[in-house]
């Protein structure tokens, strides 16, 4: 077991999660690694969350509570960072859970490999269904200056989110951008990765990501596409700054965009949005000049991304929906979790 000598600050934004907050905090406080401070940032939550936060702080001296006006998850994380005293920082979402090995395994991997960031495997939890996502076959060491390594990280980890990672606080030079409310996590991570010499990706599952009914990813929203298109240039530039290669930057930034299109269109379909409305949204994206630029810079690799790419390029909504629906049925039949 990792010695409890280094303080880890765990920052948890809290907003309208009174049904899940106790579950989250129980998992965070029952870590194998004990030397932690837990910073709860009540982001002006209108429910019972502020009281729940205060009650937990009375029970455990490791907990600190910030009450602030609502400003979004990025502003909440930034407020937590301002008072964090740990040498290392983790972020947890208040409707999720962490496994007991969360802090211990991340810190051990970071220190054993003299790395600047460690990330672990996530498990999607959707009701009774659990599915491990992007689990590498073995531990990976990533040199961010090596474009092939960055591509390996892109394929073998959930690196866009901050929740399955541990950071060195001294290397956090850019805070979360409060001007964006979609995709800002990836921007934060890309700025951080620019300052890294080595990243380690561990095989062990450490984080339970609960898919909550009613989330944006399940419903789909035209505004999501507009935000992603708006941010594409920044994401592309940051990736290019890291890998120094236009081809690789175009591929990685492009795949993130096409995946957003895919999951939001499917979300609208699964929530029984009228086909005509889905088609209107889909066509608006396909005809956007920025989308056409992304298509030019993207080179598809997997079967899935090729289908999404060709569906968008050729404005073929039926093909995209057929593939997504068929894939979902196959996964259900074989019991894939």
C-alpha atoms as a PDB file:
ATOM      1  CA  UNK A   1       0.000   0.000   0.000  1.00  0.00           C
ATOM      2  CA  UNK A   2       1.165   3.508  -0.879  1.00  0.00           C
ATOM      3  CA  UNK A   3       2.455   5.410   2.153  1.00  0.00           C
ATOM      4  CA  UNK A   4       0.091   8.188   3.180  1.00  0.00           C
ATOM      5  CA  UNK A   5       2.696  10.940   3.136  1.00  0.00           C
ATOM      6  CA  UNK A   6       1.560  13.082   0.203  1.00  0.00           C
ATOM      7  CA  UNK A   7      -1.623  15.119   0.473  1.00  0.00           C
ATOM      8  CA  UNK A   8      -4.134  14.667  -2.341  1.00  0.00           C
ATOM      9  CA  UNK A   9      -6.819  17.320  -2.829  1.00  0.00           C
ATOM     10  CA  UNK A  10     -10.053  15.853  -4.192  1.00  0.00           C
ATOM     11  CA  UNK A  11     -12.272  18.570  -5.672  1.00  0.00           C
ATOM     12  CA  UNK A  12     -15.989  17.834  -6.046  1.00  0.00           C
ATOM     13  CA  UNK A  13     -18.383  20.364  -7.640  1.00  0.00           C
ATOM     14  CA  UNK A  14     -21.890  19.997  -6.189  1.00  0.00           C
ATOM     15  CA  UNK A  15     -25.116  21.025  -7.910  1.00  0.00           C
ATOM     16  CA  UNK A  16     -28.582  19.441  -7.724  1.00  0.00           C
ATOM     17  CA  UNK A  17     -27.310  15.969  -6.795  1.00  0.00           C
ATOM     18  CA  UNK A  18     -28.998  15.387  -3.443  1.00  0.00           C
ATOM     19  CA  UNK A  19     -29.954  11.838  -4.511  1.00  0.00           C
ATOM     20  CA  UNK A  20     -26.346  10.873  -5.241  1.00  0.00           C
ATOM     21  CA  UNK A  21     -24.110  12.989  -3.015  1.00  0.00           C
ATOM     22  CA  UNK A  22     -23.996  10.634  -0.017  1.00  0.00           C
ATOM     23  CA  UNK A  23     -23.075   7.724  -2.290  1.00  0.00           C
ATOM     24  CA  UNK A  24     -20.267   9.744  -3.855  1.00  0.00           C
ATOM     25  CA  UNK A  25     -18.812  10.945  -0.556  1.00  0.00           C
ATOM     26  CA  UNK A  26     -18.908   7.512   1.036  1.00  0.00           C
ATOM     27  CA  UNK A  27     -16.801   6.172  -1.835  1.00  0.00           C
ATOM     28  CA  UNK A  28     -14.358   9.097  -1.710  1.00  0.00           C
ATOM     29  CA  UNK A  29     -13.859   8.918   2.054  1.00  0.00           C
ATOM     30  CA  UNK A  30     -13.472   5.125   2.108  1.00  0.00           C
ATOM     31  CA  UNK A  31     -10.288   5.161   0.050  1.00  0.00           C
ATOM     32  CA  UNK A  32      -7.354   2.876   0.804  1.00  0.00           C
ATOM     33  CA  UNK A  33      -5.266   6.054   0.669  1.00  0.00           C
ATOM     34  CA  UNK A  34      -6.202   8.233   3.660  1.00  0.00           C
ATOM     35  CA  UNK A  35      -4.152  11.433   3.383  1.00  0.00           C
ATOM     36  CA  UNK A  36      -6.699  13.435   1.435  1.00  0.00           C
ATOM     37  CA  UNK A  37      -8.586  16.672   1.696  1.00  0.00           C
ATOM     38  CA  UNK A  38     -12.022  16.690   0.122  1.00  0.00           C
ATOM     39  CA  UNK A  39     -13.156  20.075  -1.187  1.00  0.00           C
ATOM     40  CA  UNK A  40     -16.910  20.273  -1.754  1.00  0.00           C
ATOM     41  CA  UNK A  41     -17.852  23.261  -3.878  1.00  0.00           C
ATOM     42  CA  UNK A  42     -21.565  23.982  -3.531  1.00  0.00           C
ATOM     43  CA  UNK A  43     -22.259  25.807  -6.781  1.00  0.00           C
ATOM     44  CA  UNK A  44     -25.388  27.558  -5.551  1.00  0.00           C
ATOM     45  CA  UNK A  45     -27.356  24.306  -5.511  1.00  0.00           C
ATOM     46  CA  UNK A  46     -31.083  25.021  -4.915  1.00  0.00           C
ATOM     47  CA  UNK A  47     -31.845  21.639  -3.331  1.00  0.00           C
ATOM     48  CA  UNK A  48     -30.675  20.061  -0.073  1.00  0.00           C
ATOM     49  CA  UNK A  49     -27.040  19.776  -1.212  1.00  0.00           C
ATOM     50  CA  UNK A  50     -25.664  22.728   0.806  1.00  0.00           C
ATOM     51  CA  UNK A  51     -26.900  21.167   4.055  1.00  0.00           C
ATOM     52  CA  UNK A  52     -25.635  17.712   3.046  1.00  0.00           C
ATOM     53  CA  UNK A  53     -22.179  19.213   2.417  1.00  0.00           C
ATOM     54  CA  UNK A  54     -22.136  20.957   5.805  1.00  0.00           C
ATOM     55  CA  UNK A  55     -23.341  17.838   7.610  1.00  0.00           C
ATOM     56  CA  UNK A  56     -20.550  15.759   6.082  1.00  0.00           C
ATOM     57  CA  UNK A  57     -17.966  18.402   7.049  1.00  0.00           C
ATOM     58  CA  UNK A  58     -19.058  18.050  10.667  1.00  0.00           C
ATOM     59  CA  UNK A  59     -18.506  14.287  10.490  1.00  0.00           C
ATOM     60  CA  UNK A  60     -15.088  14.239   8.780  1.00  0.00           C
ATOM     61  CA  UNK A  61     -12.335  16.803   9.333  1.00  0.00           C
ATOM     62  CA  UNK A  62     -10.872  16.080   5.887  1.00  0.00           C
ATOM     63  CA  UNK A  63     -13.844  17.842   4.267  1.00  0.00           C
ATOM     64  CA  UNK A  64     -13.852  21.544   3.403  1.00  0.00           C
ATOM     65  CA  UNK A  65     -16.949  23.252   2.016  1.00  0.00           C
ATOM     66  CA  UNK A  66     -17.205  26.272  -0.266  1.00  0.00           C
ATOM     67  CA  UNK A  67     -20.629  27.856  -0.857  1.00  0.00           C
ATOM     68  CA  UNK A  68     -20.790  30.072  -3.945  1.00  0.00           C
ATOM     69  CA  UNK A  69     -23.237  31.519  -6.434  1.00  0.00           C
ATOM     70  CA  UNK A  70     -24.006  29.274  -9.374  1.00  0.00           C
ATOM     71  CA  UNK A  71     -21.392  29.643 -12.084  1.00  0.00           C
ATOM     72  CA  UNK A  72     -21.100  26.193 -13.622  1.00  0.00           C
ATOM     73  CA  UNK A  73     -18.872  23.187 -13.058  1.00  0.00           C
ATOM     74  CA  UNK A  74     -15.718  24.897 -14.370  1.00  0.00           C
ATOM     75  CA  UNK A  75     -16.010  27.850 -12.005  1.00  0.00           C
ATOM     76  CA  UNK A  76     -16.654  25.408  -9.133  1.00  0.00           C
ATOM     77  CA  UNK A  77     -13.519  23.410  -9.921  1.00  0.00           C
ATOM     78  CA  UNK A  78     -11.514  26.624 -10.177  1.00  0.00           C
ATOM     79  CA  UNK A  79     -12.674  27.729  -6.727  1.00  0.00           C
ATOM     80  CA  UNK A  80     -11.594  24.363  -5.364  1.00  0.00           C
ATOM     81  CA  UNK A  81      -8.178  24.699  -6.969  1.00  0.00           C
ATOM     82  CA  UNK A  82      -7.688  28.108  -5.337  1.00  0.00           C
ATOM     83  CA  UNK A  83      -7.783  26.638  -1.824  1.00  0.00           C
ATOM     84  CA  UNK A  84      -6.342  23.175  -2.535  1.00  0.00           C
ATOM     85  CA  UNK A  85      -3.317  22.468  -0.325  1.00  0.00           C
ATOM     86  CA  UNK A  86      -2.377  19.086  -1.750  1.00  0.00           C
ATOM     87  CA  UNK A  87       0.694  18.425  -3.851  1.00  0.00           C
ATOM     88  CA  UNK A  88      -1.621  16.390  -6.060  1.00  0.00           C
ATOM     89  CA  UNK A  89      -5.156  17.034  -7.300  1.00  0.00           C
ATOM     90  CA  UNK A  90      -8.029  14.778  -8.354  1.00  0.00           C
ATOM     91  CA  UNK A  91     -11.496  15.720  -9.581  1.00  0.00           C
ATOM     92  CA  UNK A  92     -14.649  13.718  -8.887  1.00  0.00           C
ATOM     93  CA  UNK A  93     -18.185  14.387 -10.127  1.00  0.00           C
ATOM     94  CA  UNK A  94     -20.758  14.376  -7.359  1.00  0.00           C
ATOM     95  CA  UNK A  95     -23.135  11.909  -9.031  1.00  0.00           C
ATOM     96  CA  UNK A  96     -20.357   9.329  -9.565  1.00  0.00           C
ATOM     97  CA  UNK A  97     -18.338   6.968  -7.359  1.00  0.00           C
ATOM     98  CA  UNK A  98     -14.686   6.025  -7.063  1.00  0.00           C
ATOM     99  CA  UNK A  99     -13.328   2.582  -6.260  1.00  0.00           C
ATOM    100  CA  UNK A 100     -11.249   2.111  -3.061  1.00  0.00           C
ATOM    101  CA  UNK A 101      -8.017   1.963  -5.100  1.00  0.00           C
ATOM    102  CA  UNK A 102      -8.675   5.283  -6.872  1.00  0.00           C
ATOM    103  CA  UNK A 103      -6.111   7.533  -5.156  1.00  0.00           C
ATOM    104  CA  UNK A 104      -3.705   4.769  -4.203  1.00  0.00           C
ATOM    105  CA  UNK A 105      -3.246   3.310  -7.686  1.00  0.00           C
ATOM    106  CA  UNK A 106      -3.060   6.680  -9.434  1.00  0.00           C
ATOM    107  CA  UNK A 107      -0.455   8.107  -7.056  1.00  0.00           C
ATOM    108  CA  UNK A 108       1.623   4.923  -7.093  1.00  0.00           C
ATOM    109  CA  UNK A 109       1.691   4.844 -10.897  1.00  0.00           C
ATOM    110  CA  UNK A 110       2.595   8.538 -11.035  1.00  0.00           C
ATOM    111  CA  UNK A 111       5.504   8.235  -8.586  1.00  0.00           C
ATOM    112  CA  UNK A 112       6.797   4.842  -9.741  1.00  0.00           C
ATOM    113  CA  UNK A 113       7.099   6.144 -13.291  1.00  0.00           C
ATOM    114  CA  UNK A 114       8.198   9.705 -12.458  1.00  0.00           C
ATOM    115  CA  UNK A 115       5.218  10.919 -14.479  1.00  0.00           C
ATOM    116  CA  UNK A 116       3.344  14.222 -14.490  1.00  0.00           C
ATOM    117  CA  UNK A 117      -0.116  12.721 -14.906  1.00  0.00           C
ATOM    118  CA  UNK A 118      -1.646   9.300 -14.270  1.00  0.00           C
ATOM    119  CA  UNK A 119      -4.997   8.151 -15.576  1.00  0.00           C
ATOM    120  CA  UNK A 120      -6.999   5.004 -14.942  1.00  0.00           C
ATOM    121  CA  UNK A 121      -9.807   3.029 -16.525  1.00  0.00           C
ATOM    122  CA  UNK A 122     -13.415   4.106 -16.130  1.00  0.00           C
ATOM    123  CA  UNK A 123     -16.529   1.955 -15.835  1.00  0.00           C
ATOM    124  CA  UNK A 124     -19.779   3.256 -17.309  1.00  0.00           C
ATOM    125  CA  UNK A 125     -22.732   2.448 -15.043  1.00  0.00           C
ATOM    126  CA  UNK A 126     -26.166   2.622 -16.662  1.00  0.00           C
ATOM    127  CA  UNK A 127     -28.675   1.085 -14.276  1.00  0.00           C
ATOM    128  CA  UNK A 128     -27.639  -2.523 -13.775  1.00  0.00           C
ATOM    129  CA  UNK A 129     -25.328  -2.487 -16.785  1.00  0.00           C
ATOM    130  CA  UNK A 130     -21.620  -1.882 -16.265  1.00  0.00           C
ATOM    131  CA  UNK A 131     -19.190  -1.459 -19.125  1.00  0.00           C
ATOM    132  CA  UNK A 132     -15.425  -0.907 -18.950  1.00  0.00           C
ATOM    133  CA  UNK A 133     -14.430   1.765 -21.440  1.00  0.00           C
ATOM    134  CA  UNK A 134     -11.093   2.072 -23.226  1.00  0.00           C
ATOM    135  CA  UNK A 135      -9.083  -0.244 -21.003  1.00  0.00           C
ATOM    136  CA  UNK A 136      -5.500  -0.713 -22.235  1.00  0.00           C
ATOM    137  CA  UNK A 137      -4.177  -4.289 -22.332  1.00  0.00           C
ATOM    138  CA  UNK A 138      -1.244  -3.217 -20.185  1.00  0.00           C
ATOM    139  CA  UNK A 139       0.152  -0.134 -18.488  1.00  0.00           C
ATOM    140  CA  UNK A 140       1.241   2.497 -21.008  1.00  0.00           C
ATOM    141  CA  UNK A 141       3.905   5.181 -20.730  1.00  0.00           C
ATOM    142  CA  UNK A 142       3.210   8.170 -22.950  1.00  0.00           C
ATOM    143  CA  UNK A 143       5.672  10.780 -24.170  1.00  0.00           C
ATOM    144  CA  UNK A 144       3.443  13.760 -25.127  1.00  0.00           C
ATOM    145  CA  UNK A 145       6.112  15.004 -27.509  1.00  0.00           C
ATOM    146  CA  UNK A 146       5.836  11.790 -29.539  1.00  0.00           C
ATOM    147  CA  UNK A 147       2.879  11.940 -31.937  1.00  0.00           C
ATOM    148  CA  UNK A 148       2.502   8.142 -32.059  1.00  0.00           C
ATOM    149  CA  UNK A 149       2.369   8.033 -28.274  1.00  0.00           C
ATOM    150  CA  UNK A 150      -0.313  10.736 -28.232  1.00  0.00           C
ATOM    151  CA  UNK A 151      -2.330   8.741 -30.744  1.00  0.00           C
ATOM    152  CA  UNK A 152      -1.897   5.692 -28.497  1.00  0.00           C
ATOM    153  CA  UNK A 153      -3.225   7.735 -25.564  1.00  0.00           C
ATOM    154  CA  UNK A 154      -6.166   8.857 -27.690  1.00  0.00           C
ATOM    155  CA  UNK A 155      -7.077   5.262 -28.542  1.00  0.00           C
ATOM    156  CA  UNK A 156      -6.448   3.633 -25.163  1.00  0.00           C
ATOM    157  CA  UNK A 157      -7.745   6.059 -22.558  1.00  0.00           C
ATOM    158  CA  UNK A 158     -10.585   8.361 -21.640  1.00  0.00           C
ATOM    159  CA  UNK A 159      -8.298  11.379 -21.542  1.00  0.00           C
ATOM    160  CA  UNK A 160     -10.821  14.149 -22.246  1.00  0.00           C
ATOM    161  CA  UNK A 161     -12.336  14.000 -18.752  1.00  0.00           C
ATOM    162  CA  UNK A 162     -10.539  15.187 -15.575  1.00  0.00           C
ATOM    163  CA  UNK A 163     -12.263  12.668 -13.302  1.00  0.00           C
ATOM    164  CA  UNK A 164     -10.115   9.553 -13.813  1.00  0.00           C
ATOM    165  CA  UNK A 165      -6.766  11.289 -13.318  1.00  0.00           C
ATOM    166  CA  UNK A 166      -4.282  12.653 -10.833  1.00  0.00           C
ATOM    167  CA  UNK A 167      -2.444  15.912 -11.519  1.00  0.00           C
ATOM    168  CA  UNK A 168       0.562  17.644 -10.011  1.00  0.00           C
ATOM    169  CA  UNK A 169      -0.807  20.897  -8.659  1.00  0.00           C
ATOM    170  CA  UNK A 170       2.370  22.803  -9.497  1.00  0.00           C
ATOM    171  CA  UNK A 171       1.931  21.959 -13.173  1.00  0.00           C
ATOM    172  CA  UNK A 172      -1.614  23.325 -13.450  1.00  0.00           C
ATOM    173  CA  UNK A 173      -0.907  26.580 -15.258  1.00  0.00           C
ATOM    174  CA  UNK A 174      -4.326  27.118 -16.871  1.00  0.00           C
ATOM    175  CA  UNK A 175      -7.625  26.917 -14.983  1.00  0.00           C
ATOM    176  CA  UNK A 176     -10.863  25.616 -16.469  1.00  0.00           C
ATOM    177  CA  UNK A 177     -12.223  28.031 -19.063  1.00  0.00           C
ATOM    178  CA  UNK A 178     -15.533  29.386 -17.743  1.00  0.00           C
ATOM    179  CA  UNK A 179     -16.433  30.872 -21.146  1.00  0.00           C
ATOM    180  CA  UNK A 180     -17.278  27.371 -22.431  1.00  0.00           C
ATOM    181  CA  UNK A 181     -19.798  24.972 -20.943  1.00  0.00           C
ATOM    182  CA  UNK A 182     -19.126  22.010 -23.228  1.00  0.00           C
ATOM    183  CA  UNK A 183     -15.758  20.468 -23.994  1.00  0.00           C
ATOM    184  CA  UNK A 184     -13.898  22.632 -21.476  1.00  0.00           C
ATOM    185  CA  UNK A 185     -12.553  19.542 -19.716  1.00  0.00           C
ATOM    186  CA  UNK A 186     -10.585  18.513 -22.783  1.00  0.00           C
ATOM    187  CA  UNK A 187      -9.210  22.042 -23.193  1.00  0.00           C
ATOM    188  CA  UNK A 188      -8.025  21.986 -19.556  1.00  0.00           C
ATOM    189  CA  UNK A 189      -6.334  18.617 -20.085  1.00  0.00           C
ATOM    190  CA  UNK A 190      -4.657  19.653 -23.327  1.00  0.00           C
ATOM    191  CA  UNK A 191      -3.169  22.733 -21.667  1.00  0.00           C
ATOM    192  CA  UNK A 192      -1.916  20.505 -18.858  1.00  0.00           C
ATOM    193  CA  UNK A 193      -0.515  17.858 -21.210  1.00  0.00           C
ATOM    194  CA  UNK A 194       1.519  20.581 -22.939  1.00  0.00           C
ATOM    195  CA  UNK A 195       3.440  20.890 -19.654  1.00  0.00           C
ATOM    196  CA  UNK A 196       4.005  17.154 -19.215  1.00  0.00           C
ATOM    197  CA  UNK A 197       7.114  15.120 -19.921  1.00  0.00           C
ATOM    198  CA  UNK A 198       5.569  11.730 -19.174  1.00  0.00           C
ATOM    199  CA  UNK A 199       2.043  10.345 -18.702  1.00  0.00           C
ATOM    200  CA  UNK A 200       1.146   6.908 -17.364  1.00  0.00           C
ATOM    201  CA  UNK A 201      -2.081   5.066 -18.180  1.00  0.00           C
ATOM    202  CA  UNK A 202      -2.930   2.190 -15.877  1.00  0.00           C
ATOM    203  CA  UNK A 203      -5.102  -0.801 -16.676  1.00  0.00           C
ATOM    204  CA  UNK A 204      -6.938  -0.933 -13.328  1.00  0.00           C
ATOM    205  CA  UNK A 205     -10.537   0.346 -13.192  1.00  0.00           C
ATOM    206  CA  UNK A 206     -10.731   3.157 -10.636  1.00  0.00           C
ATOM    207  CA  UNK A 207     -13.838   5.220 -11.405  1.00  0.00           C
ATOM    208  CA  UNK A 208     -17.574   4.490 -11.723  1.00  0.00           C
ATOM    209  CA  UNK A 209     -19.156   6.928 -14.170  1.00  0.00           C
ATOM    210  CA  UNK A 210     -22.923   6.910 -13.665  1.00  0.00           C
ATOM    211  CA  UNK A 211     -24.910   7.670 -16.813  1.00  0.00           C
ATOM    212  CA  UNK A 212     -27.812   9.690 -15.433  1.00  0.00           C
ATOM    213  CA  UNK A 213     -31.087   9.676 -17.359  1.00  0.00           C
ATOM    214  CA  UNK A 214     -31.782  13.124 -18.747  1.00  0.00           C
ATOM    215  CA  UNK A 215     -28.151  14.018 -19.415  1.00  0.00           C
ATOM    216  CA  UNK A 216     -27.253  15.951 -22.550  1.00  0.00           C
ATOM    217  CA  UNK A 217     -25.457  12.951 -24.031  1.00  0.00           C
ATOM    218  CA  UNK A 218     -28.707  10.991 -23.933  1.00  0.00           C
ATOM    219  CA  UNK A 219     -30.916  13.700 -25.387  1.00  0.00           C
ATOM    220  CA  UNK A 220     -28.836  15.414 -28.057  1.00  0.00           C
ATOM    221  CA  UNK A 221     -28.897  19.145 -28.672  1.00  0.00           C
ATOM    222  CA  UNK A 222     -28.142  21.330 -31.700  1.00  0.00           C
ATOM    223  CA  UNK A 223     -26.321  23.750 -29.394  1.00  0.00           C
ATOM    224  CA  UNK A 224     -23.763  21.036 -28.621  1.00  0.00           C
ATOM    225  CA  UNK A 225     -22.696  20.919 -32.257  1.00  0.00           C
ATOM    226  CA  UNK A 226     -22.402  24.680 -32.435  1.00  0.00           C
ATOM    227  CA  UNK A 227     -20.195  24.697 -29.346  1.00  0.00           C
ATOM    228  CA  UNK A 228     -18.014  21.876 -30.634  1.00  0.00           C
ATOM    229  CA  UNK A 229     -17.601  23.603 -33.987  1.00  0.00           C
ATOM    230  CA  UNK A 230     -16.715  26.814 -32.168  1.00  0.00           C
ATOM    231  CA  UNK A 231     -14.066  25.043 -30.103  1.00  0.00           C
ATOM    232  CA  UNK A 232     -12.611  22.910 -32.875  1.00  0.00           C
ATOM    233  CA  UNK A 233      -9.921  25.408 -33.866  1.00  0.00           C
ATOM    234  CA  UNK A 234      -8.699  25.729 -30.265  1.00  0.00           C
ATOM    235  CA  UNK A 235      -8.625  21.950 -29.788  1.00  0.00           C
ATOM    236  CA  UNK A 236      -6.826  21.489 -33.090  1.00  0.00           C
ATOM    237  CA  UNK A 237      -4.242  24.157 -32.209  1.00  0.00           C
ATOM    238  CA  UNK A 238      -3.571  22.712 -28.748  1.00  0.00           C
ATOM    239  CA  UNK A 239      -3.130  19.208 -30.137  1.00  0.00           C
ATOM    240  CA  UNK A 240      -0.859  20.574 -32.855  1.00  0.00           C
ATOM    241  CA  UNK A 241       1.181  22.428 -30.211  1.00  0.00           C
ATOM    242  CA  UNK A 242       1.711  19.078 -28.484  1.00  0.00           C
ATOM    243  CA  UNK A 243       2.405  16.762 -31.447  1.00  0.00           C
ATOM    244  CA  UNK A 244       3.738  19.328 -33.979  1.00  0.00           C
ATOM    245  CA  UNK A 245       2.000  17.455 -36.795  1.00  0.00           C
ATOM    246  CA  UNK A 246      -1.033  18.739 -38.769  1.00  0.00           C
ATOM    247  CA  UNK A 247      -2.079  15.267 -39.877  1.00  0.00           C
ATOM    248  CA  UNK A 248      -2.248  13.856 -36.348  1.00  0.00           C
ATOM    249  CA  UNK A 249      -3.903  17.015 -34.983  1.00  0.00           C
ATOM    250  CA  UNK A 250      -6.552  16.800 -37.697  1.00  0.00           C
ATOM    251  CA  UNK A 251      -7.248  13.159 -36.933  1.00  0.00           C
ATOM    252  CA  UNK A 252      -7.506  13.480 -33.140  1.00  0.00           C
ATOM    253  CA  UNK A 253      -9.525  16.711 -33.114  1.00  0.00           C
ATOM    254  CA  UNK A 254     -11.718  15.415 -35.937  1.00  0.00           C
ATOM    255  CA  UNK A 255     -12.541  12.130 -34.236  1.00  0.00           C
ATOM    256  CA  UNK A 256     -13.674  13.964 -31.123  1.00  0.00           C
ATOM    257  CA  UNK A 257     -16.038  16.020 -33.270  1.00  0.00           C
ATOM    258  CA  UNK A 258     -17.477  13.032 -35.156  1.00  0.00           C
ATOM    259  CA  UNK A 259     -18.068  11.119 -31.927  1.00  0.00           C
ATOM    260  CA  UNK A 260     -20.077  14.050 -30.546  1.00  0.00           C
ATOM    261  CA  UNK A 261     -22.202  14.053 -33.701  1.00  0.00           C
ATOM    262  CA  UNK A 262     -22.754  10.295 -33.431  1.00  0.00           C
ATOM    263  CA  UNK A 263     -23.735  10.099 -29.764  1.00  0.00           C
ATOM    264  CA  UNK A 264     -25.984  13.162 -29.827  1.00  0.00           C
ATOM    265  CA  UNK A 265     -27.841  12.091 -32.963  1.00  0.00           C
ATOM    266  CA  UNK A 266     -28.374   8.647 -31.416  1.00  0.00           C
ATOM    267  CA  UNK A 267     -29.470  10.321 -28.186  1.00  0.00           C
ATOM    268  CA  UNK A 268     -32.162  12.251 -30.034  1.00  0.00           C
ATOM    269  CA  UNK A 269     -33.304   9.071 -31.821  1.00  0.00           C
ATOM    270  CA  UNK A 270     -33.471   7.004 -28.613  1.00  0.00           C
ATOM    271  CA  UNK A 271     -35.512   9.728 -26.959  1.00  0.00           C
ATOM    272  CA  UNK A 272     -38.023   9.555 -29.821  1.00  0.00           C
ATOM    273  CA  UNK A 273     -37.382  12.968 -31.295  1.00  0.00           C
ATOM    274  CA  UNK A 274     -39.201  13.236 -34.630  1.00  0.00           C
ATOM    275  CA  UNK A 275     -37.098  12.119 -37.590  1.00  0.00           C
ATOM    276  CA  UNK A 276     -37.691  15.436 -39.365  1.00  0.00           C
ATOM    277  CA  UNK A 277     -36.236  17.339 -36.409  1.00  0.00           C
ATOM    278  CA  UNK A 278     -33.207  15.055 -36.214  1.00  0.00           C
ATOM    279  CA  UNK A 279     -32.688  15.436 -39.960  1.00  0.00           C
ATOM    280  CA  UNK A 280     -32.810  19.225 -39.664  1.00  0.00           C
ATOM    281  CA  UNK A 281     -30.117  19.196 -36.979  1.00  0.00           C
ATOM    282  CA  UNK A 282     -27.989  16.677 -38.886  1.00  0.00           C
ATOM    283  CA  UNK A 283     -28.155  18.602 -42.154  1.00  0.00           C
ATOM    284  CA  UNK A 284     -27.263  21.870 -40.440  1.00  0.00           C
ATOM    285  CA  UNK A 285     -24.072  20.284 -39.170  1.00  0.00           C
ATOM    286  CA  UNK A 286     -23.203  18.569 -42.447  1.00  0.00           C
ATOM    287  CA  UNK A 287     -23.614  21.811 -44.404  1.00  0.00           C
ATOM    288  CA  UNK A 288     -21.589  23.953 -42.007  1.00  0.00           C
ATOM    289  CA  UNK A 289     -18.360  25.197 -43.675  1.00  0.00           C
ATOM    290  CA  UNK A 290     -16.368  24.295 -40.554  1.00  0.00           C
ATOM    291  CA  UNK A 291     -17.585  20.680 -40.789  1.00  0.00           C
ATOM    292  CA  UNK A 292     -16.305  20.528 -44.357  1.00  0.00           C
ATOM    293  CA  UNK A 293     -12.891  21.731 -43.143  1.00  0.00           C
ATOM    294  CA  UNK A 294     -12.872  19.032 -40.459  1.00  0.00           C
ATOM    295  CA  UNK A 295     -13.700  16.389 -43.074  1.00  0.00           C
ATOM    296  CA  UNK A 296     -10.702  17.474 -45.156  1.00  0.00           C
ATOM    297  CA  UNK A 297      -8.308  17.106 -42.207  1.00  0.00           C
ATOM    298  CA  UNK A 298      -9.663  13.818 -40.868  1.00  0.00           C
ATOM    299  CA  UNK A 299      -8.485  10.340 -41.780  1.00  0.00           C
ATOM    300  CA  UNK A 300     -10.724   7.590 -40.408  1.00  0.00           C
ATOM    301  CA  UNK A 301      -9.333   4.340 -39.042  1.00  0.00           C
ATOM    302  CA  UNK A 302     -11.910   2.147 -37.293  1.00  0.00           C
ATOM    303  CA  UNK A 303     -15.137   0.774 -38.761  1.00  0.00           C
ATOM    304  CA  UNK A 304     -17.166   2.969 -36.453  1.00  0.00           C
ATOM    305  CA  UNK A 305     -15.397   6.229 -37.281  1.00  0.00           C
ATOM    306  CA  UNK A 306     -15.451   5.469 -40.998  1.00  0.00           C
ATOM    307  CA  UNK A 307     -19.224   5.035 -40.884  1.00  0.00           C
ATOM    308  CA  UNK A 308     -19.707   8.270 -38.942  1.00  0.00           C
ATOM    309  CA  UNK A 309     -17.301  10.133 -41.227  1.00  0.00           C
ATOM    310  CA  UNK A 310     -18.957   8.909 -44.443  1.00  0.00           C
ATOM    311  CA  UNK A 311     -22.453   9.520 -43.065  1.00  0.00           C
ATOM    312  CA  UNK A 312     -21.612  13.149 -42.285  1.00  0.00           C
ATOM    313  CA  UNK A 313     -19.656  13.664 -45.503  1.00  0.00           C
ATOM    314  CA  UNK A 314     -22.512  12.302 -47.636  1.00  0.00           C
ATOM    315  CA  UNK A 315     -25.365  13.658 -45.458  1.00  0.00           C
ATOM    316  CA  UNK A 316     -26.647  10.112 -44.950  1.00  0.00           C
ATOM    317  CA  UNK A 317     -28.618  10.213 -41.708  1.00  0.00           C
ATOM    318  CA  UNK A 318     -30.351   6.879 -42.311  1.00  0.00           C
ATOM    319  CA  UNK A 319     -27.022   5.077 -42.530  1.00  0.00           C
ATOM    320  CA  UNK A 320     -25.850   6.626 -39.273  1.00  0.00           C
ATOM    321  CA  UNK A 321     -29.059   5.722 -37.421  1.00  0.00           C
ATOM    322  CA  UNK A 322     -29.088   2.198 -38.874  1.00  0.00           C
ATOM    323  CA  UNK A 323     -25.513   1.553 -37.763  1.00  0.00           C
ATOM    324  CA  UNK A 324     -26.035   2.989 -34.283  1.00  0.00           C
ATOM    325  CA  UNK A 325     -29.285   1.080 -33.728  1.00  0.00           C
ATOM    326  CA  UNK A 326     -27.836  -2.192 -35.047  1.00  0.00           C
ATOM    327  CA  UNK A 327     -24.712  -1.861 -32.903  1.00  0.00           C
ATOM    328  CA  UNK A 328     -26.875  -1.251 -29.841  1.00  0.00           C
ATOM    329  CA  UNK A 329     -29.002  -4.347 -30.532  1.00  0.00           C
ATOM    330  CA  UNK A 330     -25.933  -6.542 -31.048  1.00  0.00           C
ATOM    331  CA  UNK A 331     -24.380  -5.352 -27.785  1.00  0.00           C
ATOM    332  CA  UNK A 332     -27.631  -6.083 -25.981  1.00  0.00           C
ATOM    333  CA  UNK A 333     -27.879  -9.615 -27.432  1.00  0.00           C
ATOM    334  CA  UNK A 334     -24.326 -10.583 -26.507  1.00  0.00           C
ATOM    335  CA  UNK A 335     -24.669  -8.944 -23.094  1.00  0.00           C
ATOM    336  CA  UNK A 336     -21.778  -6.559 -23.642  1.00  0.00           C
ATOM    337  CA  UNK A 337     -21.141  -4.434 -20.565  1.00  0.00           C
END
